[in-house]
């Protein structure tokens, strides 16, 4: 991927967010926890948005995915984007959080981003073949036979090698699998302590942290890993986290199956579907 120059969407609509992310995967709307976090945030806040595929080649100015385009301007990094949108649209999503809640939110976000997500990546990229497969991954978005061969045979290996190298440089990738699994278990216990049986992490109403946690937990529960030890631990020792993930999925992602099975970036609204179903008048 290369940082995009200019705007991908030239005919943008005012105050409509164009969310640029990877094409869809078969087992999950996005294999990127940060893209799934970003889209879930948009769903929770009901901001108008449209998904734009990066076609496996476009990245943000920071060379990351996802990024957004809004009113002719480019914004990168999911965490910064969320903060920007809260201010730009005066969103009340985090307005009821106390000073202690905000401190916890920051600390747990860092734990998920810098510990749990990276630990999960260490496991994922030991065997990421599923990511460019037809039945679970992204390969259904590619029609060219040569491109399919390259992505399934070569791109997966190159991507995994690059990410594993980066994880080793950051330090976490130098741990053994047993140590990585223990890190993930400890993070899950800490996260479960914060949830503490509540509907959402900070009470009865969702906050931006719920989008963050969902985007990351779904990668554990809905994508393949070379070992199921952490999933089994989560299901038995921290079942509230699985219940939370399923609750967010049911509440804010009713089109989950339609998106994943059809690899759809956007689904038609009920009004659009009804309009298509109406018989056309004869001319």
C-alpha atoms as a PDB file:
ATOM      1  CA  UNK A   1       0.000   0.000   0.000  1.00  0.00           C
ATOM      2  CA  UNK A   2       1.036   3.586  -0.628  1.00  0.00           C
ATOM      3  CA  UNK A   3      -0.205   6.802   1.002  1.00  0.00           C
ATOM      4  CA  UNK A   4      -2.989   8.249  -1.108  1.00  0.00           C
ATOM      5  CA  UNK A   5      -2.432  11.581  -2.819  1.00  0.00           C
ATOM      6  CA  UNK A   6      -5.463  13.826  -2.882  1.00  0.00           C
ATOM      7  CA  UNK A   7      -8.972  12.485  -2.296  1.00  0.00           C
ATOM      8  CA  UNK A   8     -10.286   9.092  -3.398  1.00  0.00           C
ATOM      9  CA  UNK A   9     -13.857  10.396  -3.470  1.00  0.00           C
ATOM     10  CA  UNK A  10     -14.009  13.430  -5.730  1.00  0.00           C
ATOM     11  CA  UNK A  11     -17.803  13.900  -5.668  1.00  0.00           C
ATOM     12  CA  UNK A  12     -18.125  13.873  -1.882  1.00  0.00           C
ATOM     13  CA  UNK A  13     -21.274  14.971  -0.076  1.00  0.00           C
ATOM     14  CA  UNK A  14     -21.136  17.495   2.727  1.00  0.00           C
ATOM     15  CA  UNK A  15     -20.933  15.946   6.221  1.00  0.00           C
ATOM     16  CA  UNK A  16     -20.961  12.395   4.841  1.00  0.00           C
ATOM     17  CA  UNK A  17     -17.976  10.401   6.063  1.00  0.00           C
ATOM     18  CA  UNK A  18     -16.172   8.285   3.484  1.00  0.00           C
ATOM     19  CA  UNK A  19     -14.529   5.472   5.427  1.00  0.00           C
ATOM     20  CA  UNK A  20     -11.663   3.947   3.466  1.00  0.00           C
ATOM     21  CA  UNK A  21     -10.814   0.414   4.533  1.00  0.00           C
ATOM     22  CA  UNK A  22      -9.845  -3.024   3.242  1.00  0.00           C
ATOM     23  CA  UNK A  23     -12.358  -4.996   1.146  1.00  0.00           C
ATOM     24  CA  UNK A  24     -14.618  -7.315   3.136  1.00  0.00           C
ATOM     25  CA  UNK A  25     -13.652 -10.772   4.353  1.00  0.00           C
ATOM     26  CA  UNK A  26     -15.882 -13.844   4.479  1.00  0.00           C
ATOM     27  CA  UNK A  27     -15.625 -14.505   8.218  1.00  0.00           C
ATOM     28  CA  UNK A  28     -15.658 -10.908   9.473  1.00  0.00           C
ATOM     29  CA  UNK A  29     -16.504  -7.493   7.980  1.00  0.00           C
ATOM     30  CA  UNK A  30     -12.865  -6.458   8.394  1.00  0.00           C
ATOM     31  CA  UNK A  31      -9.754  -8.353   9.491  1.00  0.00           C
ATOM     32  CA  UNK A  32      -8.459  -5.004  10.733  1.00  0.00           C
ATOM     33  CA  UNK A  33      -9.525  -4.371  14.348  1.00  0.00           C
ATOM     34  CA  UNK A  34      -9.068  -0.648  13.794  1.00  0.00           C
ATOM     35  CA  UNK A  35     -11.337  -0.535  10.742  1.00  0.00           C
ATOM     36  CA  UNK A  36     -13.991  -2.559  12.550  1.00  0.00           C
ATOM     37  CA  UNK A  37     -13.656  -0.251  15.553  1.00  0.00           C
ATOM     38  CA  UNK A  38     -14.072   2.782  13.312  1.00  0.00           C
ATOM     39  CA  UNK A  39     -17.154   1.491  11.512  1.00  0.00           C
ATOM     40  CA  UNK A  40     -18.763   0.358  14.775  1.00  0.00           C
ATOM     41  CA  UNK A  41     -18.227   3.837  16.206  1.00  0.00           C
ATOM     42  CA  UNK A  42     -19.996   5.311  13.182  1.00  0.00           C
ATOM     43  CA  UNK A  43     -22.877   2.900  13.664  1.00  0.00           C
ATOM     44  CA  UNK A  44     -23.222   3.670  17.358  1.00  0.00           C
ATOM     45  CA  UNK A  45     -23.193   7.427  16.767  1.00  0.00           C
ATOM     46  CA  UNK A  46     -25.425   7.136  13.658  1.00  0.00           C
ATOM     47  CA  UNK A  47     -23.187   9.456  11.664  1.00  0.00           C
ATOM     48  CA  UNK A  48     -23.815   9.274   7.904  1.00  0.00           C
ATOM     49  CA  UNK A  49     -21.034   7.329   6.219  1.00  0.00           C
ATOM     50  CA  UNK A  50     -20.121   5.300   3.192  1.00  0.00           C
ATOM     51  CA  UNK A  51     -17.490   2.585   2.947  1.00  0.00           C
ATOM     52  CA  UNK A  52     -14.824   2.919   0.274  1.00  0.00           C
ATOM     53  CA  UNK A  53     -12.582  -0.016  -0.614  1.00  0.00           C
ATOM     54  CA  UNK A  54      -8.880   0.731  -0.619  1.00  0.00           C
ATOM     55  CA  UNK A  55      -8.489  -2.017  -3.276  1.00  0.00           C
ATOM     56  CA  UNK A  56      -5.493  -3.356  -1.340  1.00  0.00           C
ATOM     57  CA  UNK A  57      -3.375  -0.410  -2.472  1.00  0.00           C
ATOM     58  CA  UNK A  58      -4.415   2.883  -0.846  1.00  0.00           C
ATOM     59  CA  UNK A  59      -3.344   3.942   2.647  1.00  0.00           C
ATOM     60  CA  UNK A  60      -3.616   7.072   4.750  1.00  0.00           C
ATOM     61  CA  UNK A  61      -1.044   9.839   4.964  1.00  0.00           C
ATOM     62  CA  UNK A  62       0.391   7.823   7.875  1.00  0.00           C
ATOM     63  CA  UNK A  63       0.456   4.696   5.701  1.00  0.00           C
ATOM     64  CA  UNK A  64      -2.360   3.113   7.740  1.00  0.00           C
ATOM     65  CA  UNK A  65      -5.840   1.691   7.258  1.00  0.00           C
ATOM     66  CA  UNK A  66      -8.488   2.870   7.900  1.00  0.00           C
ATOM     67  CA  UNK A  67      -8.755   6.577   7.178  1.00  0.00           C
ATOM     68  CA  UNK A  68     -11.627   8.909   6.405  1.00  0.00           C
ATOM     69  CA  UNK A  69     -12.386  11.703   3.992  1.00  0.00           C
ATOM     70  CA  UNK A  70     -14.804  14.338   5.239  1.00  0.00           C
ATOM     71  CA  UNK A  71     -15.795  17.565   3.531  1.00  0.00           C
ATOM     72  CA  UNK A  72     -12.798  17.457   1.240  1.00  0.00           C
ATOM     73  CA  UNK A  73     -10.245  16.704   3.950  1.00  0.00           C
ATOM     74  CA  UNK A  74      -8.253  13.604   4.833  1.00  0.00           C
ATOM     75  CA  UNK A  75      -8.016  12.275   8.415  1.00  0.00           C
ATOM     76  CA  UNK A  76      -5.785   9.388   9.538  1.00  0.00           C
ATOM     77  CA  UNK A  77      -5.446   7.030  12.538  1.00  0.00           C
ATOM     78  CA  UNK A  78      -8.650   5.558  13.986  1.00  0.00           C
ATOM     79  CA  UNK A  79      -8.055   6.922  17.488  1.00  0.00           C
ATOM     80  CA  UNK A  80      -7.446  10.442  16.238  1.00  0.00           C
ATOM     81  CA  UNK A  81     -10.392  10.158  13.835  1.00  0.00           C
ATOM     82  CA  UNK A  82     -12.782   9.279  16.657  1.00  0.00           C
ATOM     83  CA  UNK A  83     -11.570  12.215  18.764  1.00  0.00           C
ATOM     84  CA  UNK A  84     -11.914  14.510  15.757  1.00  0.00           C
ATOM     85  CA  UNK A  85     -15.456  13.361  14.939  1.00  0.00           C
ATOM     86  CA  UNK A  86     -16.612  13.743  18.546  1.00  0.00           C
ATOM     87  CA  UNK A  87     -15.490  17.378  18.476  1.00  0.00           C
ATOM     88  CA  UNK A  88     -16.534  18.095  14.888  1.00  0.00           C
ATOM     89  CA  UNK A  89     -20.115  16.871  15.364  1.00  0.00           C
ATOM     90  CA  UNK A  90     -20.369  17.654  19.084  1.00  0.00           C
ATOM     91  CA  UNK A  91     -21.207  14.030  19.846  1.00  0.00           C
ATOM     92  CA  UNK A  92     -22.441  13.221  23.373  1.00  0.00           C
ATOM     93  CA  UNK A  93     -21.149   9.626  23.278  1.00  0.00           C
ATOM     94  CA  UNK A  94     -18.503  10.111  26.004  1.00  0.00           C
ATOM     95  CA  UNK A  95     -19.990  13.165  27.709  1.00  0.00           C
ATOM     96  CA  UNK A  96     -21.261  11.292  30.787  1.00  0.00           C
ATOM     97  CA  UNK A  97     -17.911   9.725  31.629  1.00  0.00           C
ATOM     98  CA  UNK A  98     -16.331  10.874  34.882  1.00  0.00           C
ATOM     99  CA  UNK A  99     -12.684  11.871  35.196  1.00  0.00           C
ATOM    100  CA  UNK A 100     -11.992   8.375  36.570  1.00  0.00           C
ATOM    101  CA  UNK A 101     -13.879   6.790  33.669  1.00  0.00           C
ATOM    102  CA  UNK A 102     -11.874   8.806  31.151  1.00  0.00           C
ATOM    103  CA  UNK A 103      -8.650   7.724  32.825  1.00  0.00           C
ATOM    104  CA  UNK A 104      -9.761   4.068  32.733  1.00  0.00           C
ATOM    105  CA  UNK A 105     -10.839   4.440  29.119  1.00  0.00           C
ATOM    106  CA  UNK A 106      -7.409   5.716  28.132  1.00  0.00           C
ATOM    107  CA  UNK A 107      -5.542   3.052  30.096  1.00  0.00           C
ATOM    108  CA  UNK A 108      -7.625   0.168  28.765  1.00  0.00           C
ATOM    109  CA  UNK A 109      -7.422   1.499  25.207  1.00  0.00           C
ATOM    110  CA  UNK A 110      -3.642   1.470  25.438  1.00  0.00           C
ATOM    111  CA  UNK A 111      -3.756  -2.056  26.879  1.00  0.00           C
ATOM    112  CA  UNK A 112      -5.869  -3.295  23.981  1.00  0.00           C
ATOM    113  CA  UNK A 113      -3.918  -1.462  21.275  1.00  0.00           C
ATOM    114  CA  UNK A 114      -0.397  -2.044  22.545  1.00  0.00           C
ATOM    115  CA  UNK A 115      -0.689  -5.390  24.326  1.00  0.00           C
ATOM    116  CA  UNK A 116      -3.667  -7.521  23.356  1.00  0.00           C
ATOM    117  CA  UNK A 117      -3.874  -6.581  19.669  1.00  0.00           C
ATOM    118  CA  UNK A 118      -0.146  -7.011  19.138  1.00  0.00           C
ATOM    119  CA  UNK A 119      -0.126 -10.318  21.018  1.00  0.00           C
ATOM    120  CA  UNK A 120      -3.005 -11.528  18.872  1.00  0.00           C
ATOM    121  CA  UNK A 121      -1.080 -10.447  15.765  1.00  0.00           C
ATOM    122  CA  UNK A 122       1.899 -12.551  16.862  1.00  0.00           C
ATOM    123  CA  UNK A 123      -0.365 -15.616  16.764  1.00  0.00           C
ATOM    124  CA  UNK A 124      -2.317 -14.578  13.671  1.00  0.00           C
ATOM    125  CA  UNK A 125       0.669 -14.051  11.413  1.00  0.00           C
ATOM    126  CA  UNK A 126       2.202 -17.398  12.198  1.00  0.00           C
ATOM    127  CA  UNK A 127      -0.487 -18.769   9.873  1.00  0.00           C
ATOM    128  CA  UNK A 128      -2.410 -16.047   8.045  1.00  0.00           C
ATOM    129  CA  UNK A 129      -3.230 -18.142   4.988  1.00  0.00           C
ATOM    130  CA  UNK A 130      -6.938 -17.837   5.773  1.00  0.00           C
ATOM    131  CA  UNK A 131      -6.757 -14.083   5.184  1.00  0.00           C
ATOM    132  CA  UNK A 132      -6.290 -14.590   1.451  1.00  0.00           C
ATOM    133  CA  UNK A 133      -8.578 -17.580   1.073  1.00  0.00           C
ATOM    134  CA  UNK A 134     -11.943 -17.811  -0.692  1.00  0.00           C
ATOM    135  CA  UNK A 135     -13.930 -19.362   2.150  1.00  0.00           C
ATOM    136  CA  UNK A 136     -12.834 -17.174   5.080  1.00  0.00           C
ATOM    137  CA  UNK A 137     -10.753 -14.304   3.816  1.00  0.00           C
ATOM    138  CA  UNK A 138     -10.420 -11.557   1.246  1.00  0.00           C
ATOM    139  CA  UNK A 139      -9.705 -13.500  -1.934  1.00  0.00           C
ATOM    140  CA  UNK A 140     -13.302 -13.380  -3.147  1.00  0.00           C
ATOM    141  CA  UNK A 141     -12.761  -9.691  -3.909  1.00  0.00           C
ATOM    142  CA  UNK A 142     -10.166 -10.559  -6.575  1.00  0.00           C
ATOM    143  CA  UNK A 143     -11.278 -11.696 -10.044  1.00  0.00           C
ATOM    144  CA  UNK A 144      -7.973 -11.905 -11.899  1.00  0.00           C
ATOM    145  CA  UNK A 145      -6.531 -15.445 -11.695  1.00  0.00           C
ATOM    146  CA  UNK A 146      -2.909 -14.309 -11.613  1.00  0.00           C
ATOM    147  CA  UNK A 147      -3.672 -11.821  -8.851  1.00  0.00           C
ATOM    148  CA  UNK A 148      -5.404 -14.558  -6.880  1.00  0.00           C
ATOM    149  CA  UNK A 149      -2.392 -16.823  -7.164  1.00  0.00           C
ATOM    150  CA  UNK A 150      -0.044 -14.020  -6.153  1.00  0.00           C
ATOM    151  CA  UNK A 151      -2.143 -12.985  -3.155  1.00  0.00           C
ATOM    152  CA  UNK A 152      -2.766 -16.511  -1.878  1.00  0.00           C
ATOM    153  CA  UNK A 153       0.766 -17.807  -2.424  1.00  0.00           C
ATOM    154  CA  UNK A 154       3.088 -14.813  -2.227  1.00  0.00           C
ATOM    155  CA  UNK A 155       1.382 -11.801  -0.666  1.00  0.00           C
ATOM    156  CA  UNK A 156       0.361 -13.687   2.468  1.00  0.00           C
ATOM    157  CA  UNK A 157       3.921 -14.822   3.073  1.00  0.00           C
ATOM    158  CA  UNK A 158       5.430 -11.386   2.412  1.00  0.00           C
ATOM    159  CA  UNK A 159       2.869  -9.624   4.615  1.00  0.00           C
ATOM    160  CA  UNK A 160       3.334 -12.096   7.456  1.00  0.00           C
ATOM    161  CA  UNK A 161       7.119 -11.793   7.280  1.00  0.00           C
ATOM    162  CA  UNK A 162       6.960  -7.986   7.386  1.00  0.00           C
ATOM    163  CA  UNK A 163       4.506  -7.872  10.298  1.00  0.00           C
ATOM    164  CA  UNK A 164       6.352 -10.505  12.335  1.00  0.00           C
ATOM    165  CA  UNK A 165       9.552  -8.511  11.868  1.00  0.00           C
ATOM    166  CA  UNK A 166       7.833  -5.337  13.084  1.00  0.00           C
ATOM    167  CA  UNK A 167       6.427  -7.184  16.114  1.00  0.00           C
ATOM    168  CA  UNK A 168       9.897  -8.439  17.020  1.00  0.00           C
ATOM    169  CA  UNK A 169      11.296  -4.923  16.752  1.00  0.00           C
ATOM    170  CA  UNK A 170       8.551  -3.655  19.083  1.00  0.00           C
ATOM    171  CA  UNK A 171       9.494  -6.369  21.569  1.00  0.00           C
ATOM    172  CA  UNK A 172       6.302  -8.372  21.933  1.00  0.00           C
ATOM    173  CA  UNK A 173       7.168 -10.629  18.998  1.00  0.00           C
ATOM    174  CA  UNK A 174      10.158 -11.992  20.910  1.00  0.00           C
ATOM    175  CA  UNK A 175       7.904 -13.858  23.335  1.00  0.00           C
ATOM    176  CA  UNK A 176       7.181 -17.561  23.004  1.00  0.00           C
ATOM    177  CA  UNK A 177       3.659 -18.696  22.130  1.00  0.00           C
ATOM    178  CA  UNK A 178       3.107 -19.708  25.745  1.00  0.00           C
ATOM    179  CA  UNK A 179       4.095 -16.229  26.909  1.00  0.00           C
ATOM    180  CA  UNK A 180       1.908 -14.556  24.274  1.00  0.00           C
ATOM    181  CA  UNK A 181      -1.081 -16.629  25.360  1.00  0.00           C
ATOM    182  CA  UNK A 182      -0.515 -15.675  28.995  1.00  0.00           C
ATOM    183  CA  UNK A 183      -0.348 -11.982  28.034  1.00  0.00           C
ATOM    184  CA  UNK A 184      -3.680 -12.284  26.230  1.00  0.00           C
ATOM    185  CA  UNK A 185      -5.301 -14.121  29.140  1.00  0.00           C
ATOM    186  CA  UNK A 186      -4.194 -11.437  31.610  1.00  0.00           C
ATOM    187  CA  UNK A 187      -5.523  -8.691  29.316  1.00  0.00           C
ATOM    188  CA  UNK A 188      -8.864 -10.490  29.012  1.00  0.00           C
ATOM    189  CA  UNK A 189      -9.148 -10.784  32.797  1.00  0.00           C
ATOM    190  CA  UNK A 190      -8.410  -7.071  33.174  1.00  0.00           C
ATOM    191  CA  UNK A 191     -10.945  -6.174  30.493  1.00  0.00           C
ATOM    192  CA  UNK A 192     -13.549  -8.450  32.066  1.00  0.00           C
ATOM    193  CA  UNK A 193     -12.973  -6.702  35.394  1.00  0.00           C
ATOM    194  CA  UNK A 194     -13.803  -3.372  33.774  1.00  0.00           C
ATOM    195  CA  UNK A 195     -16.987  -4.756  32.197  1.00  0.00           C
ATOM    196  CA  UNK A 196     -18.024  -6.336  35.520  1.00  0.00           C
ATOM    197  CA  UNK A 197     -21.397  -7.613  34.306  1.00  0.00           C
ATOM    198  CA  UNK A 198     -22.531  -4.267  32.885  1.00  0.00           C
ATOM    199  CA  UNK A 199     -24.246  -3.996  29.513  1.00  0.00           C
ATOM    200  CA  UNK A 200     -21.481  -1.734  28.232  1.00  0.00           C
ATOM    201  CA  UNK A 201     -18.072  -1.039  29.726  1.00  0.00           C
ATOM    202  CA  UNK A 202     -19.111   2.192  31.431  1.00  0.00           C
ATOM    203  CA  UNK A 203     -22.774   1.585  32.137  1.00  0.00           C
ATOM    204  CA  UNK A 204     -26.052   1.227  30.281  1.00  0.00           C
ATOM    205  CA  UNK A 205     -25.096   3.390  27.304  1.00  0.00           C
ATOM    206  CA  UNK A 206     -22.299   2.708  24.779  1.00  0.00           C
ATOM    207  CA  UNK A 207     -19.199   4.877  24.640  1.00  0.00           C
ATOM    208  CA  UNK A 208     -16.410   5.098  22.106  1.00  0.00           C
ATOM    209  CA  UNK A 209     -14.523   2.490  24.144  1.00  0.00           C
ATOM    210  CA  UNK A 210     -17.198  -0.097  23.392  1.00  0.00           C
ATOM    211  CA  UNK A 211     -16.446   0.345  19.694  1.00  0.00           C
ATOM    212  CA  UNK A 212     -12.740  -0.104  20.422  1.00  0.00           C
ATOM    213  CA  UNK A 213     -13.263  -3.257  22.485  1.00  0.00           C
ATOM    214  CA  UNK A 214     -15.660  -4.740  19.936  1.00  0.00           C
ATOM    215  CA  UNK A 215     -13.328  -4.132  17.012  1.00  0.00           C
ATOM    216  CA  UNK A 216     -10.575  -6.022  18.791  1.00  0.00           C
ATOM    217  CA  UNK A 217     -12.549  -8.806  20.513  1.00  0.00           C
ATOM    218  CA  UNK A 218     -14.191  -9.794  17.242  1.00  0.00           C
ATOM    219  CA  UNK A 219     -10.746 -10.617  15.853  1.00  0.00           C
ATOM    220  CA  UNK A 220     -10.390 -13.175  18.641  1.00  0.00           C
ATOM    221  CA  UNK A 221     -13.854 -14.702  18.372  1.00  0.00           C
ATOM    222  CA  UNK A 222     -14.512 -14.588  14.619  1.00  0.00           C
ATOM    223  CA  UNK A 223     -11.175 -15.103  12.850  1.00  0.00           C
ATOM    224  CA  UNK A 224      -8.979 -18.235  12.713  1.00  0.00           C
ATOM    225  CA  UNK A 225      -5.949 -18.554  14.997  1.00  0.00           C
ATOM    226  CA  UNK A 226      -3.336 -21.323  15.083  1.00  0.00           C
ATOM    227  CA  UNK A 227      -4.500 -22.221  18.612  1.00  0.00           C
ATOM    228  CA  UNK A 228      -7.933 -22.059  20.227  1.00  0.00           C
ATOM    229  CA  UNK A 229      -6.543 -21.868  23.765  1.00  0.00           C
ATOM    230  CA  UNK A 230      -7.270 -18.156  24.217  1.00  0.00           C
ATOM    231  CA  UNK A 231     -10.775 -18.451  22.768  1.00  0.00           C
ATOM    232  CA  UNK A 232     -11.605 -21.341  25.090  1.00  0.00           C
ATOM    233  CA  UNK A 233     -10.196 -19.371  28.021  1.00  0.00           C
ATOM    234  CA  UNK A 234     -12.350 -16.352  27.119  1.00  0.00           C
ATOM    235  CA  UNK A 235     -15.479 -18.461  26.754  1.00  0.00           C
ATOM    236  CA  UNK A 236     -15.022 -20.184  30.114  1.00  0.00           C
ATOM    237  CA  UNK A 237     -13.219 -17.621  32.281  1.00  0.00           C
ATOM    238  CA  UNK A 238     -14.461 -14.290  30.858  1.00  0.00           C
ATOM    239  CA  UNK A 239     -17.852 -15.182  29.319  1.00  0.00           C
ATOM    240  CA  UNK A 240     -19.125 -11.623  29.795  1.00  0.00           C
ATOM    241  CA  UNK A 241     -16.731 -10.488  27.055  1.00  0.00           C
ATOM    242  CA  UNK A 242     -18.170 -12.984  24.571  1.00  0.00           C
ATOM    243  CA  UNK A 243     -21.688 -11.940  25.550  1.00  0.00           C
ATOM    244  CA  UNK A 244     -20.746  -8.272  25.123  1.00  0.00           C
ATOM    245  CA  UNK A 245     -19.311  -8.951  21.655  1.00  0.00           C
ATOM    246  CA  UNK A 246     -22.425 -10.814  20.537  1.00  0.00           C
ATOM    247  CA  UNK A 247     -24.648  -8.084  21.978  1.00  0.00           C
ATOM    248  CA  UNK A 248     -22.882  -5.327  20.022  1.00  0.00           C
ATOM    249  CA  UNK A 249     -22.944  -7.484  16.889  1.00  0.00           C
ATOM    250  CA  UNK A 250     -26.689  -8.107  17.196  1.00  0.00           C
ATOM    251  CA  UNK A 251     -27.499  -4.503  18.056  1.00  0.00           C
ATOM    252  CA  UNK A 252     -25.324  -2.598  15.582  1.00  0.00           C
ATOM    253  CA  UNK A 253     -24.438  -5.133  12.880  1.00  0.00           C
ATOM    254  CA  UNK A 254     -27.751  -6.690  11.736  1.00  0.00           C
ATOM    255  CA  UNK A 255     -26.294  -6.887   8.205  1.00  0.00           C
ATOM    256  CA  UNK A 256     -23.184  -8.817   9.358  1.00  0.00           C
ATOM    257  CA  UNK A 257     -24.063 -12.015   7.457  1.00  0.00           C
ATOM    258  CA  UNK A 258     -25.202 -10.130   4.352  1.00  0.00           C
ATOM    259  CA  UNK A 259     -21.944  -8.172   4.271  1.00  0.00           C
ATOM    260  CA  UNK A 260     -19.631 -11.116   4.849  1.00  0.00           C
ATOM    261  CA  UNK A 261     -21.337 -13.606   2.558  1.00  0.00           C
ATOM    262  CA  UNK A 262     -21.735 -11.064  -0.246  1.00  0.00           C
ATOM    263  CA  UNK A 263     -18.466  -9.210   0.443  1.00  0.00           C
ATOM    264  CA  UNK A 264     -20.458  -5.981   0.326  1.00  0.00           C
ATOM    265  CA  UNK A 265     -18.821  -2.706   1.245  1.00  0.00           C
ATOM    266  CA  UNK A 266     -22.242  -1.107   1.653  1.00  0.00           C
ATOM    267  CA  UNK A 267     -25.729  -2.591   1.922  1.00  0.00           C
ATOM    268  CA  UNK A 268     -28.846  -1.014   0.503  1.00  0.00           C
ATOM    269  CA  UNK A 269     -31.211   0.660   2.928  1.00  0.00           C
ATOM    270  CA  UNK A 270     -34.743  -0.762   3.329  1.00  0.00           C
ATOM    271  CA  UNK A 271     -35.988   2.214   1.317  1.00  0.00           C
ATOM    272  CA  UNK A 272     -33.557   1.477  -1.531  1.00  0.00           C
ATOM    273  CA  UNK A 273     -34.532  -2.199  -1.527  1.00  0.00           C
ATOM    274  CA  UNK A 274     -38.226  -1.298  -1.590  1.00  0.00           C
ATOM    275  CA  UNK A 275     -37.693   1.113  -4.473  1.00  0.00           C
ATOM    276  CA  UNK A 276     -35.913  -1.591  -6.477  1.00  0.00           C
ATOM    277  CA  UNK A 277     -38.739  -4.042  -5.800  1.00  0.00           C
ATOM    278  CA  UNK A 278     -41.422  -1.679  -7.123  1.00  0.00           C
ATOM    279  CA  UNK A 279     -42.565  -2.524 -10.665  1.00  0.00           C
ATOM    280  CA  UNK A 280     -41.393   0.002 -13.210  1.00  0.00           C
ATOM    281  CA  UNK A 281     -44.048   1.912 -15.096  1.00  0.00           C
ATOM    282  CA  UNK A 282     -44.234   1.174 -18.821  1.00  0.00           C
ATOM    283  CA  UNK A 283     -43.085   3.999 -21.059  1.00  0.00           C
END
